[in-house]
Amino acid sequence: MTPQEVTQLLSKLPTLRQEIGKIIVGQQEVLDEVLITLLAGGHGLLEGVPGLAKTLLVRTLASAVDLPFRRIQFTPDLMPTDILGTEVLEEDHTTGKRFFQFNEGPIFASIVLADEINRTPPKTQAALLEAMQEFEVTYAGKTYPLPRPFFLLATQNPIEQSGTYPLPEAQLDRFLLYIKIKYPTELEEISVLKSTTGGQREKVQSVLSGQEILTLQSLVREVSISDELVAYVARVVRATRPAESPVPFVQEFVRWGAGPRAGQALILTAKARALLQGRFAVTLPDLQTMAYPVLRHRVLVNFSAEADNISTDRVVEELLKGVELPREVLR
């Protein structure tokens, strides 16, 4: 791509924000993290209490990009075939021969909303693992590629435990970011009430095509990061492991630390954040900002932390304080 084409493509990102902002009031940090997940080519887990527009955010994003969208409502009786698809017996009317035809399930879309993912049993949750990691589905010994780009956003409600099945750590690790949605501010809530109880509804225009998103995902990997910052990422991830961590807070309150995938996610999302802000180089604030949603679901606290109501975000906060900064930042 020429520099002019890159500039023109990047100029569409603020427009994409504006289109989503027609429907979603406030929640700028959440919107940033969702867009970063999309640009980095990963998947996101959205957590928030009911009524914070988790589903609406995903629907609005799907409207703002020219991609097929499917929503899957996860329930206790949902089966893997309800997600992946199934084979049906059909007959060729010209020859009379019968054959099995694979009917694609709702997972075969570019943007998939897995609504209330923790309401379905682990067997059905696990049906997403191959799709999320390999971008393909295997059924009856045959492999079917998913459309690209493929972007899965799952939602879950943190306040209800009855009738839910917490996601296992192996599946949590497949999510690039764990995004928490907070309550809106007073002004934002007033704006929500005004915009949703009147007769007029804003219409969202499509801004990006699927090919443009794939191009942006390629550009993310071209964003530069210094060796000093890569070494800093390695120190941060290794410091989450209590057996080798130099941070006393981690040694006291963490049961299991993050694996190498956390470092990959941290660098990729920092690159995506830089590109989203119109920069072509990763800075230290990019890494420190993305450390929270990247490590939030990859660090397991122990019983002492749970008893003292210490969250993983608090662990990450203390972690960033205790890990040695890159030398180039100290100059």
C-alpha atoms as a PDB file:
ATOM      1  CA  MET A   1       0.000   0.000   0.000  1.00  0.00           C
ATOM      2  CA  THR A   2       1.107   3.554  -0.692  1.00  0.00           C
ATOM      3  CA  PRO A   3       1.341   6.004   2.234  1.00  0.00           C
ATOM      4  CA  GLN A   4      -1.709   7.804   0.853  1.00  0.00           C
ATOM      5  CA  GLU A   5      -3.746   4.588   0.838  1.00  0.00           C
ATOM      6  CA  VAL A   6      -2.668   3.800   4.402  1.00  0.00           C
ATOM      7  CA  THR A   7      -3.615   7.310   5.548  1.00  0.00           C
ATOM      8  CA  GLN A   8      -6.978   7.079   3.799  1.00  0.00           C
ATOM      9  CA  LEU A   9      -7.724   3.716   5.403  1.00  0.00           C
ATOM     10  CA  LEU A  10      -6.724   4.884   8.885  1.00  0.00           C
ATOM     11  CA  SER A  11      -8.931   7.958   8.492  1.00  0.00           C
ATOM     12  CA  LYS A  12     -11.943   5.631   8.473  1.00  0.00           C
ATOM     13  CA  LEU A  13     -11.333   4.535  12.075  1.00  0.00           C
ATOM     14  CA  PRO A  14     -12.557   7.831  13.639  1.00  0.00           C
ATOM     15  CA  THR A  15     -15.584   7.634  11.343  1.00  0.00           C
ATOM     16  CA  LEU A  16     -16.233   4.097  12.580  1.00  0.00           C
ATOM     17  CA  ARG A  17     -16.166   5.401  16.157  1.00  0.00           C
ATOM     18  CA  GLN A  18     -18.631   8.136  15.246  1.00  0.00           C
ATOM     19  CA  GLU A  19     -21.067   5.711  13.651  1.00  0.00           C
ATOM     20  CA  ILE A  20     -21.013   3.422  16.704  1.00  0.00           C
ATOM     21  CA  GLY A  21     -21.329   6.505  18.928  1.00  0.00           C
ATOM     22  CA  LYS A  22     -24.692   7.278  17.314  1.00  0.00           C
ATOM     23  CA  ILE A  23     -26.143   4.366  19.280  1.00  0.00           C
ATOM     24  CA  ILE A  24     -23.668   3.691  22.100  1.00  0.00           C
ATOM     25  CA  VAL A  25     -23.382   6.621  24.511  1.00  0.00           C
ATOM     26  CA  GLY A  26     -20.079   6.974  26.371  1.00  0.00           C
ATOM     27  CA  GLN A  27     -18.175   3.735  27.115  1.00  0.00           C
ATOM     28  CA  GLN A  28     -15.179   5.047  25.168  1.00  0.00           C
ATOM     29  CA  GLU A  29     -12.723   2.750  26.917  1.00  0.00           C
ATOM     30  CA  VAL A  30     -14.885  -0.290  26.182  1.00  0.00           C
ATOM     31  CA  LEU A  31     -15.321   0.757  22.552  1.00  0.00           C
ATOM     32  CA  ASP A  32     -11.560   1.225  22.211  1.00  0.00           C
ATOM     33  CA  GLU A  33     -10.892  -2.243  23.574  1.00  0.00           C
ATOM     34  CA  VAL A  34     -13.465  -3.841  21.259  1.00  0.00           C
ATOM     35  CA  LEU A  35     -11.944  -2.101  18.220  1.00  0.00           C
ATOM     36  CA  ILE A  36      -8.442  -3.054  19.370  1.00  0.00           C
ATOM     37  CA  THR A  37      -9.556  -6.689  19.594  1.00  0.00           C
ATOM     38  CA  LEU A  38     -10.953  -6.503  16.071  1.00  0.00           C
ATOM     39  CA  LEU A  39      -7.822  -4.845  14.647  1.00  0.00           C
ATOM     40  CA  ALA A  40      -5.546  -7.356  16.381  1.00  0.00           C
ATOM     41  CA  GLY A  41      -7.500 -10.262  14.877  1.00  0.00           C
ATOM     42  CA  GLY A  42      -8.550 -11.763  18.203  1.00  0.00           C
ATOM     43  CA  HIS A  43     -11.738 -12.345  20.185  1.00  0.00           C
ATOM     44  CA  GLY A  44     -13.199 -10.506  23.155  1.00  0.00           C
ATOM     45  CA  LEU A  45     -15.101 -11.403  26.314  1.00  0.00           C
ATOM     46  CA  LEU A  46     -17.472  -8.671  27.502  1.00  0.00           C
ATOM     47  CA  GLU A  47     -18.577  -8.715  31.119  1.00  0.00           C
ATOM     48  CA  GLY A  48     -21.144  -6.404  32.675  1.00  0.00           C
ATOM     49  CA  VAL A  49     -24.399  -6.366  34.594  1.00  0.00           C
ATOM     50  CA  PRO A  50     -27.658  -6.502  32.604  1.00  0.00           C
ATOM     51  CA  GLY A  51     -28.713  -3.361  30.783  1.00  0.00           C
ATOM     52  CA  LEU A  52     -25.276  -1.946  29.912  1.00  0.00           C
ATOM     53  CA  ALA A  53     -25.752  -2.440  26.144  1.00  0.00           C
ATOM     54  CA  LYS A  54     -23.322  -5.325  25.691  1.00  0.00           C
ATOM     55  CA  THR A  55     -25.432  -6.951  22.981  1.00  0.00           C
ATOM     56  CA  LEU A  56     -26.319  -3.594  21.440  1.00  0.00           C
ATOM     57  CA  LEU A  57     -22.633  -2.685  21.180  1.00  0.00           C
ATOM     58  CA  VAL A  58     -21.859  -5.809  19.169  1.00  0.00           C
ATOM     59  CA  ARG A  59     -24.917  -5.338  16.951  1.00  0.00           C
ATOM     60  CA  THR A  60     -23.950  -1.723  16.292  1.00  0.00           C
ATOM     61  CA  LEU A  61     -20.389  -2.693  15.431  1.00  0.00           C
ATOM     62  CA  ALA A  62     -21.742  -5.271  12.977  1.00  0.00           C
ATOM     63  CA  SER A  63     -23.888  -2.576  11.369  1.00  0.00           C
ATOM     64  CA  ALA A  64     -20.884  -0.248  11.011  1.00  0.00           C
ATOM     65  CA  VAL A  65     -18.860  -2.824   9.056  1.00  0.00           C
ATOM     66  CA  ASP A  66     -19.954  -4.589   5.902  1.00  0.00           C
ATOM     67  CA  LEU A  67     -19.760  -8.132   7.284  1.00  0.00           C
ATOM     68  CA  PRO A  68     -22.283 -10.941   7.934  1.00  0.00           C
ATOM     69  CA  PHE A  69     -23.380 -11.055  11.581  1.00  0.00           C
ATOM     70  CA  ARG A  70     -24.983 -13.845  13.627  1.00  0.00           C
ATOM     71  CA  ARG A  71     -26.122 -13.919  17.234  1.00  0.00           C
ATOM     72  CA  ILE A  72     -26.164 -17.142  19.265  1.00  0.00           C
ATOM     73  CA  GLN A  73     -28.157 -17.146  22.487  1.00  0.00           C
ATOM     74  CA  PHE A  74     -26.425 -19.597  24.805  1.00  0.00           C
ATOM     75  CA  THR A  75     -28.797 -21.663  26.943  1.00  0.00           C
ATOM     76  CA  PRO A  76     -28.395 -24.801  29.110  1.00  0.00           C
ATOM     77  CA  ASP A  77     -29.893 -27.022  26.393  1.00  0.00           C
ATOM     78  CA  LEU A  78     -27.749 -25.688  23.543  1.00  0.00           C
ATOM     79  CA  MET A  79     -25.782 -28.419  21.735  1.00  0.00           C
ATOM     80  CA  PRO A  80     -22.483 -28.129  19.801  1.00  0.00           C
ATOM     81  CA  THR A  81     -24.279 -28.869  16.530  1.00  0.00           C
ATOM     82  CA  ASP A  82     -26.540 -25.866  17.173  1.00  0.00           C
ATOM     83  CA  ILE A  83     -23.407 -23.742  16.828  1.00  0.00           C
ATOM     84  CA  LEU A  84     -21.230 -25.584  14.323  1.00  0.00           C
ATOM     85  CA  GLY A  85     -23.863 -27.099  12.052  1.00  0.00           C
ATOM     86  CA  THR A  86     -24.831 -30.656  11.197  1.00  0.00           C
ATOM     87  CA  GLU A  87     -25.099 -33.105   8.321  1.00  0.00           C
ATOM     88  CA  VAL A  88     -28.465 -33.873   6.785  1.00  0.00           C
ATOM     89  CA  LEU A  89     -29.334 -36.691   4.387  1.00  0.00           C
ATOM     90  CA  GLU A  90     -30.344 -35.394   0.966  1.00  0.00           C
ATOM     91  CA  GLU A  91     -31.210 -37.013  -2.334  1.00  0.00           C
ATOM     92  CA  ASP A  92     -30.038 -36.145  -5.843  1.00  0.00           C
ATOM     93  CA  HIS A  93     -33.282 -36.025  -7.832  1.00  0.00           C
ATOM     94  CA  THR A  94     -31.540 -36.748 -11.154  1.00  0.00           C
ATOM     95  CA  THR A  95     -29.690 -39.898 -10.063  1.00  0.00           C
ATOM     96  CA  GLY A  96     -31.670 -40.938  -6.998  1.00  0.00           C
ATOM     97  CA  LYS A  97     -28.481 -41.225  -4.963  1.00  0.00           C
ATOM     98  CA  ARG A  98     -28.476 -40.143  -1.355  1.00  0.00           C
ATOM     99  CA  PHE A  99     -25.671 -38.212   0.273  1.00  0.00           C
ATOM    100  CA  PHE A 100     -24.908 -36.247   3.397  1.00  0.00           C
ATOM    101  CA  GLN A 101     -24.815 -32.478   3.075  1.00  0.00           C
ATOM    102  CA  PHE A 102     -23.210 -30.299   5.765  1.00  0.00           C
ATOM    103  CA  ASN A 103     -25.450 -27.417   6.789  1.00  0.00           C
ATOM    104  CA  GLU A 104     -23.392 -24.607   8.271  1.00  0.00           C
ATOM    105  CA  GLY A 105     -24.322 -23.344  11.722  1.00  0.00           C
ATOM    106  CA  PRO A 106     -24.365 -19.739  12.949  1.00  0.00           C
ATOM    107  CA  ILE A 107     -20.613 -19.856  13.669  1.00  0.00           C
ATOM    108  CA  PHE A 108     -20.090 -19.379   9.915  1.00  0.00           C
ATOM    109  CA  ALA A 109     -20.256 -15.586   9.994  1.00  0.00           C
ATOM    110  CA  SER A 110     -17.606 -12.890  10.179  1.00  0.00           C
ATOM    111  CA  ILE A 111     -18.931 -11.327  13.385  1.00  0.00           C
ATOM    112  CA  VAL A 112     -20.467 -13.718  15.903  1.00  0.00           C
ATOM    113  CA  LEU A 113     -22.078 -12.709  19.187  1.00  0.00           C
ATOM    114  CA  ALA A 114     -22.011 -15.489  21.783  1.00  0.00           C
ATOM    115  CA  ASP A 115     -24.602 -14.040  24.144  1.00  0.00           C
ATOM    116  CA  GLU A 116     -24.399 -15.185  27.788  1.00  0.00           C
ATOM    117  CA  ILE A 117     -21.745 -17.755  26.975  1.00  0.00           C
ATOM    118  CA  ASN A 118     -21.546 -18.973  30.587  1.00  0.00           C
ATOM    119  CA  ARG A 119     -25.151 -20.238  30.515  1.00  0.00           C
ATOM    120  CA  THR A 120     -24.301 -23.300  28.440  1.00  0.00           C
ATOM    121  CA  PRO A 121     -22.479 -26.463  29.630  1.00  0.00           C
ATOM    122  CA  PRO A 122     -18.713 -26.918  29.042  1.00  0.00           C
ATOM    123  CA  LYS A 123     -19.321 -29.418  26.214  1.00  0.00           C
ATOM    124  CA  THR A 124     -21.012 -26.716  24.163  1.00  0.00           C
ATOM    125  CA  GLN A 125     -18.570 -24.018  25.239  1.00  0.00           C
ATOM    126  CA  ALA A 126     -15.719 -26.210  23.990  1.00  0.00           C
ATOM    127  CA  ALA A 127     -17.274 -26.270  20.515  1.00  0.00           C
ATOM    128  CA  LEU A 128     -15.894 -22.761  20.060  1.00  0.00           C
ATOM    129  CA  LEU A 129     -12.278 -23.634  20.843  1.00  0.00           C
ATOM    130  CA  GLU A 130     -11.198 -24.747  17.366  1.00  0.00           C
ATOM    131  CA  ALA A 131     -13.089 -21.904  15.698  1.00  0.00           C
ATOM    132  CA  MET A 132     -11.453 -19.302  17.946  1.00  0.00           C
ATOM    133  CA  GLN A 133      -7.918 -20.656  17.625  1.00  0.00           C
ATOM    134  CA  GLU A 134      -7.726 -22.186  14.152  1.00  0.00           C
ATOM    135  CA  PHE A 135     -10.508 -20.241  12.367  1.00  0.00           C
ATOM    136  CA  GLU A 136     -12.014 -23.486  11.143  1.00  0.00           C
ATOM    137  CA  VAL A 137     -14.545 -26.128  12.154  1.00  0.00           C
ATOM    138  CA  THR A 138     -14.139 -29.909  11.996  1.00  0.00           C
ATOM    139  CA  TYR A 139     -17.233 -32.078  11.635  1.00  0.00           C
ATOM    140  CA  ALA A 140     -17.363 -35.809  10.787  1.00  0.00           C
ATOM    141  CA  GLY A 141     -13.675 -35.799   9.905  1.00  0.00           C
ATOM    142  CA  LYS A 142     -13.903 -32.888   7.457  1.00  0.00           C
ATOM    143  CA  THR A 143     -12.560 -29.403   8.089  1.00  0.00           C
ATOM    144  CA  TYR A 144     -14.493 -26.326   6.998  1.00  0.00           C
ATOM    145  CA  PRO A 145     -12.769 -22.911   6.977  1.00  0.00           C
ATOM    146  CA  LEU A 146     -14.581 -19.984   8.573  1.00  0.00           C
ATOM    147  CA  PRO A 147     -15.037 -16.705   6.703  1.00  0.00           C
ATOM    148  CA  ARG A 148     -12.302 -14.121   7.208  1.00  0.00           C
ATOM    149  CA  PRO A 149     -12.191 -11.891   9.058  1.00  0.00           C
ATOM    150  CA  PHE A 150     -13.688 -13.924  11.888  1.00  0.00           C
ATOM    151  CA  PHE A 151     -14.434 -12.025  15.084  1.00  0.00           C
ATOM    152  CA  LEU A 152     -16.196 -13.554  18.096  1.00  0.00           C
ATOM    153  CA  LEU A 153     -17.469 -11.457  20.986  1.00  0.00           C
ATOM    154  CA  ALA A 154     -18.898 -13.276  23.986  1.00  0.00           C
ATOM    155  CA  THR A 155     -20.880 -11.705  26.826  1.00  0.00           C
ATOM    156  CA  GLN A 156     -21.457 -12.830  30.375  1.00  0.00           C
ATOM    157  CA  ASN A 157     -23.239 -11.529  33.454  1.00  0.00           C
ATOM    158  CA  PRO A 158     -21.018 -11.430  36.569  1.00  0.00           C
ATOM    159  CA  ILE A 159     -23.731 -11.185  39.230  1.00  0.00           C
ATOM    160  CA  GLU A 160     -25.679 -14.399  38.622  1.00  0.00           C
ATOM    161  CA  GLN A 161     -24.077 -17.731  39.495  1.00  0.00           C
ATOM    162  CA  SER A 162     -27.169 -19.941  39.575  1.00  0.00           C
ATOM    163  CA  GLY A 163     -27.536 -21.907  36.344  1.00  0.00           C
ATOM    164  CA  THR A 164     -24.190 -20.778  34.946  1.00  0.00           C
ATOM    165  CA  TYR A 165     -21.034 -22.647  33.977  1.00  0.00           C
ATOM    166  CA  PRO A 166     -17.865 -20.572  34.495  1.00  0.00           C
ATOM    167  CA  LEU A 167     -15.534 -20.691  31.529  1.00  0.00           C
ATOM    168  CA  PRO A 168     -12.466 -22.917  32.120  1.00  0.00           C
ATOM    169  CA  GLU A 169      -9.061 -21.257  32.081  1.00  0.00           C
ATOM    170  CA  ALA A 170      -8.116 -22.921  28.781  1.00  0.00           C
ATOM    171  CA  GLN A 171     -11.049 -21.260  27.043  1.00  0.00           C
ATOM    172  CA  LEU A 172     -10.587 -17.924  28.804  1.00  0.00           C
ATOM    173  CA  ASP A 173      -7.045 -17.846  27.455  1.00  0.00           C
ATOM    174  CA  ARG A 174      -8.421 -17.995  23.889  1.00  0.00           C
ATOM    175  CA  PHE A 175      -9.948 -14.549  24.382  1.00  0.00           C
ATOM    176  CA  LEU A 176      -7.505 -11.811  23.480  1.00  0.00           C
ATOM    177  CA  LEU A 177      -9.081  -9.301  25.889  1.00  0.00           C
ATOM    178  CA  TYR A 178     -11.372  -9.553  28.901  1.00  0.00           C
ATOM    179  CA  ILE A 179     -13.387  -6.333  28.724  1.00  0.00           C
ATOM    180  CA  LYS A 180     -15.343  -5.099  31.741  1.00  0.00           C
ATOM    181  CA  ILE A 181     -18.216  -2.678  31.197  1.00  0.00           C
ATOM    182  CA  LYS A 182     -18.878  -0.239  34.028  1.00  0.00           C
ATOM    183  CA  TYR A 183     -21.953   1.813  34.840  1.00  0.00           C
ATOM    184  CA  PRO A 184     -22.307   5.041  32.810  1.00  0.00           C
ATOM    185  CA  THR A 185     -21.703   8.456  34.324  1.00  0.00           C
ATOM    186  CA  GLU A 186     -24.690  10.612  35.275  1.00  0.00           C
ATOM    187  CA  LEU A 187     -24.467  12.719  32.111  1.00  0.00           C
ATOM    188  CA  GLU A 188     -24.108   9.621  29.950  1.00  0.00           C
ATOM    189  CA  GLU A 189     -27.121   8.024  31.603  1.00  0.00           C
ATOM    190  CA  ILE A 190     -29.212  11.138  30.983  1.00  0.00           C
ATOM    191  CA  SER A 191     -28.151  11.066  27.332  1.00  0.00           C
ATOM    192  CA  VAL A 192     -29.110   7.359  27.114  1.00  0.00           C
ATOM    193  CA  LEU A 193     -32.556   8.062  28.533  1.00  0.00           C
ATOM    194  CA  LYS A 194     -33.159  10.885  26.053  1.00  0.00           C
ATOM    195  CA  SER A 195     -31.947   8.977  23.003  1.00  0.00           C
ATOM    196  CA  THR A 196     -33.769   5.703  23.715  1.00  0.00           C
ATOM    197  CA  THR A 197     -37.194   6.924  24.781  1.00  0.00           C
ATOM    198  CA  GLY A 198     -37.979   9.239  21.872  1.00  0.00           C
ATOM    199  CA  GLY A 199     -39.448   8.580  18.460  1.00  0.00           C
ATOM    200  CA  GLN A 200     -36.303   9.067  16.383  1.00  0.00           C
ATOM    201  CA  ARG A 201     -33.685   6.364  15.924  1.00  0.00           C
ATOM    202  CA  GLU A 202     -30.237   6.983  14.516  1.00  0.00           C
ATOM    203  CA  LYS A 203     -29.201   4.911  11.517  1.00  0.00           C
ATOM    204  CA  VAL A 204     -25.688   3.463  11.438  1.00  0.00           C
ATOM    205  CA  GLN A 205     -23.818   3.605   8.132  1.00  0.00           C
ATOM    206  CA  SER A 206     -21.348   0.945   7.038  1.00  0.00           C
ATOM    207  CA  VAL A 207     -17.776   2.304   7.155  1.00  0.00           C
ATOM    208  CA  LEU A 208     -15.367  -0.606   6.637  1.00  0.00           C
ATOM    209  CA  SER A 209     -15.472  -3.647   4.374  1.00  0.00           C
ATOM    210  CA  GLY A 210     -14.160  -7.076   5.234  1.00  0.00           C
ATOM    211  CA  GLN A 211     -11.116  -6.631   2.991  1.00  0.00           C
ATOM    212  CA  GLU A 212     -10.303  -3.296   4.629  1.00  0.00           C
ATOM    213  CA  ILE A 213     -10.444  -4.932   8.066  1.00  0.00           C
ATOM    214  CA  LEU A 214      -8.058  -7.658   6.877  1.00  0.00           C
ATOM    215  CA  THR A 215      -5.727  -4.958   5.574  1.00  0.00           C
ATOM    216  CA  LEU A 216      -5.854  -3.138   8.910  1.00  0.00           C
ATOM    217  CA  GLN A 217      -5.089  -6.401  10.719  1.00  0.00           C
ATOM    218  CA  SER A 218      -2.017  -6.783   8.500  1.00  0.00           C
ATOM    219  CA  LEU A 219      -0.978  -3.190   9.214  1.00  0.00           C
ATOM    220  CA  VAL A 220      -1.182  -3.834  12.961  1.00  0.00           C
ATOM    221  CA  ARG A 221       1.625  -6.380  12.692  1.00  0.00           C
ATOM    222  CA  GLU A 222       3.751  -3.828  10.823  1.00  0.00           C
ATOM    223  CA  VAL A 223       3.651  -1.364  13.743  1.00  0.00           C
ATOM    224  CA  SER A 224       7.133  -1.181  15.239  1.00  0.00           C
ATOM    225  CA  ILE A 225       8.094  -1.968  18.826  1.00  0.00           C
ATOM    226  CA  SER A 226      11.574  -1.574  20.281  1.00  0.00           C
ATOM    227  CA  ASP A 227      13.585  -4.441  21.718  1.00  0.00           C
ATOM    228  CA  GLU A 228      13.518  -2.656  25.087  1.00  0.00           C
ATOM    229  CA  LEU A 229       9.715  -2.742  25.146  1.00  0.00           C
ATOM    230  CA  VAL A 230       9.620  -6.399  24.056  1.00  0.00           C
ATOM    231  CA  ALA A 231      11.949  -7.223  26.947  1.00  0.00           C
ATOM    232  CA  TYR A 232       9.669  -5.214  29.254  1.00  0.00           C
ATOM    233  CA  VAL A 233       6.661  -7.281  28.117  1.00  0.00           C
ATOM    234  CA  ALA A 234       8.576 -10.470  28.902  1.00  0.00           C
ATOM    235  CA  ARG A 235       9.425  -9.136  32.392  1.00  0.00           C
ATOM    236  CA  VAL A 236       5.781  -8.218  33.055  1.00  0.00           C
ATOM    237  CA  VAL A 237       4.446 -11.617  31.985  1.00  0.00           C
ATOM    238  CA  ARG A 238       7.118 -13.565  33.863  1.00  0.00           C
ATOM    239  CA  ALA A 239       6.487 -11.454  36.968  1.00  0.00           C
ATOM    240  CA  THR A 240       2.898 -12.758  37.092  1.00  0.00           C
ATOM    241  CA  ARG A 241       4.241 -16.215  38.031  1.00  0.00           C
ATOM    242  CA  PRO A 242       4.584 -16.348  41.813  1.00  0.00           C
ATOM    243  CA  ALA A 243       7.476 -18.832  41.825  1.00  0.00           C
ATOM    244  CA  GLU A 244       9.773 -16.456  39.933  1.00  0.00           C
ATOM    245  CA  SER A 245       8.147 -13.057  40.457  1.00  0.00           C
ATOM    246  CA  PRO A 246      10.205 -10.229  41.988  1.00  0.00           C
ATOM    247  CA  VAL A 247       6.960  -8.537  43.128  1.00  0.00           C
ATOM    248  CA  PRO A 248       6.043  -9.469  46.752  1.00  0.00           C
ATOM    249  CA  PHE A 249       2.356  -8.707  46.115  1.00  0.00           C
ATOM    250  CA  VAL A 250       2.279 -11.352  43.370  1.00  0.00           C
ATOM    251  CA  GLN A 251       4.098 -13.880  45.529  1.00  0.00           C
ATOM    252  CA  GLU A 252       1.505 -13.419  48.268  1.00  0.00           C
ATOM    253  CA  PHE A 253      -1.756 -13.313  46.335  1.00  0.00           C
ATOM    254  CA  VAL A 254      -1.319 -15.088  42.970  1.00  0.00           C
ATOM    255  CA  ARG A 255      -1.872 -18.808  42.483  1.00  0.00           C
ATOM    256  CA  TRP A 256      -1.086 -19.140  38.764  1.00  0.00           C
ATOM    257  CA  GLY A 257       0.542 -16.655  36.424  1.00  0.00           C
ATOM    258  CA  ALA A 258       0.128 -15.974  32.718  1.00  0.00           C
ATOM    259  CA  GLY A 259       1.650 -18.028  29.908  1.00  0.00           C
ATOM    260  CA  PRO A 260       3.533 -16.884  26.792  1.00  0.00           C
ATOM    261  CA  ARG A 261       0.254 -16.204  24.969  1.00  0.00           C
ATOM    262  CA  ALA A 262      -0.248 -13.247  27.313  1.00  0.00           C
ATOM    263  CA  GLY A 263       2.931 -11.627  26.024  1.00  0.00           C
ATOM    264  CA  GLN A 264       1.842 -12.130  22.437  1.00  0.00           C
ATOM    265  CA  ALA A 265      -1.552 -10.616  23.226  1.00  0.00           C
ATOM    266  CA  LEU A 266       0.012  -7.659  25.034  1.00  0.00           C
ATOM    267  CA  ILE A 267       2.269  -6.751  22.115  1.00  0.00           C
ATOM    268  CA  LEU A 268      -0.443  -7.240  19.484  1.00  0.00           C
ATOM    269  CA  THR A 269      -3.048  -5.186  21.328  1.00  0.00           C
ATOM    270  CA  ALA A 270      -0.494  -2.439  22.075  1.00  0.00           C
ATOM    271  CA  LYS A 271       0.266  -2.298  18.347  1.00  0.00           C
ATOM    272  CA  ALA A 272      -3.456  -2.116  17.573  1.00  0.00           C
ATOM    273  CA  ARG A 273      -3.908   0.685  20.128  1.00  0.00           C
ATOM    274  CA  ALA A 274      -1.069   2.641  18.555  1.00  0.00           C
ATOM    275  CA  LEU A 275      -2.570   2.232  15.079  1.00  0.00           C
ATOM    276  CA  LEU A 276      -6.021   3.201  16.363  1.00  0.00           C
ATOM    277  CA  GLN A 277      -4.475   6.459  17.576  1.00  0.00           C
ATOM    278  CA  GLY A 278      -2.695   7.063  14.275  1.00  0.00           C
ATOM    279  CA  ARG A 279       0.787   6.020  15.408  1.00  0.00           C
ATOM    280  CA  PHE A 280       3.141   3.464  13.888  1.00  0.00           C
ATOM    281  CA  ALA A 281       5.224   2.714  16.981  1.00  0.00           C
ATOM    282  CA  VAL A 282       4.306   1.216  20.360  1.00  0.00           C
ATOM    283  CA  THR A 283       4.919   3.314  23.466  1.00  0.00           C
ATOM    284  CA  LEU A 284       5.121   2.332  27.125  1.00  0.00           C
ATOM    285  CA  PRO A 285       1.607   3.718  27.902  1.00  0.00           C
ATOM    286  CA  ASP A 286       0.208   1.433  25.191  1.00  0.00           C
ATOM    287  CA  LEU A 287       1.592  -1.614  26.993  1.00  0.00           C
ATOM    288  CA  GLN A 288       0.609  -0.453  30.474  1.00  0.00           C
ATOM    289  CA  THR A 289      -2.945   0.374  29.363  1.00  0.00           C
ATOM    290  CA  MET A 290      -3.472  -2.966  27.631  1.00  0.00           C
ATOM    291  CA  ALA A 291      -1.953  -4.965  30.509  1.00  0.00           C
ATOM    292  CA  TYR A 292      -5.255  -4.850  32.415  1.00  0.00           C
ATOM    293  CA  PRO A 293      -7.619  -6.446  29.830  1.00  0.00           C
ATOM    294  CA  VAL A 294      -4.862  -8.809  28.654  1.00  0.00           C
ATOM    295  CA  LEU A 295      -3.926 -10.177  32.096  1.00  0.00           C
ATOM    296  CA  ARG A 296      -7.334  -9.883  33.771  1.00  0.00           C
ATOM    297  CA  HIS A 297      -8.344 -13.452  32.856  1.00  0.00           C
ATOM    298  CA  ARG A 298      -4.879 -14.966  32.686  1.00  0.00           C
ATOM    299  CA  VAL A 299      -3.817 -14.405  36.293  1.00  0.00           C
ATOM    300  CA  LEU A 300      -5.478 -16.568  38.957  1.00  0.00           C
ATOM    301  CA  VAL A 301      -5.499 -15.209  42.497  1.00  0.00           C
ATOM    302  CA  ASN A 302      -5.348 -17.494  45.532  1.00  0.00           C
ATOM    303  CA  PHE A 303      -7.735 -17.933  48.451  1.00  0.00           C
ATOM    304  CA  SER A 304      -6.048 -15.185  50.473  1.00  0.00           C
ATOM    305  CA  ALA A 305      -6.727 -12.681  47.695  1.00  0.00           C
ATOM    306  CA  GLU A 306     -10.338 -13.789  47.399  1.00  0.00           C
ATOM    307  CA  ALA A 307     -10.792 -13.476  51.165  1.00  0.00           C
ATOM    308  CA  ASP A 308      -9.362  -9.949  51.066  1.00  0.00           C
ATOM    309  CA  ASN A 309     -11.434  -9.069  47.971  1.00  0.00           C
ATOM    310  CA  ILE A 310      -8.307  -8.453  45.888  1.00  0.00           C
ATOM    311  CA  SER A 311      -9.066  -8.507  42.164  1.00  0.00           C
ATOM    312  CA  THR A 312      -6.745  -9.330  39.291  1.00  0.00           C
ATOM    313  CA  ASP A 313      -6.837  -5.655  38.293  1.00  0.00           C
ATOM    314  CA  ARG A 314      -5.299  -4.809  41.665  1.00  0.00           C
ATOM    315  CA  VAL A 315      -2.640  -7.468  41.046  1.00  0.00           C
ATOM    316  CA  VAL A 316      -1.836  -5.940  37.645  1.00  0.00           C
ATOM    317  CA  GLU A 317      -1.637  -2.489  39.230  1.00  0.00           C
ATOM    318  CA  GLU A 318       0.922  -3.669  41.790  1.00  0.00           C
ATOM    319  CA  LEU A 319       2.701  -5.667  39.099  1.00  0.00           C
ATOM    320  CA  LEU A 320       3.251  -2.604  36.917  1.00  0.00           C
ATOM    321  CA  LYS A 321       4.608  -0.734  39.914  1.00  0.00           C
ATOM    322  CA  GLY A 322       7.086  -3.477  40.764  1.00  0.00           C
ATOM    323  CA  VAL A 323       8.462  -4.435  37.346  1.00  0.00           C
ATOM    324  CA  GLU A 324      11.565  -2.604  36.165  1.00  0.00           C
ATOM    325  CA  LEU A 325      10.779  -0.048  33.448  1.00  0.00           C
ATOM    326  CA  PRO A 326      12.645  -0.007  30.138  1.00  0.00           C
ATOM    327  CA  ARG A 327      15.871   1.988  30.320  1.00  0.00           C
ATOM    328  CA  GLU A 328      14.894   4.176  27.379  1.00  0.00           C
ATOM    329  CA  VAL A 329      11.908   5.459  29.390  1.00  0.00           C
ATOM    330  CA  LEU A 330      14.082   6.291  32.382  1.00  0.00           C
ATOM    331  CA  ARG A 331      16.371   8.571  30.331  1.00  0.00           C
END
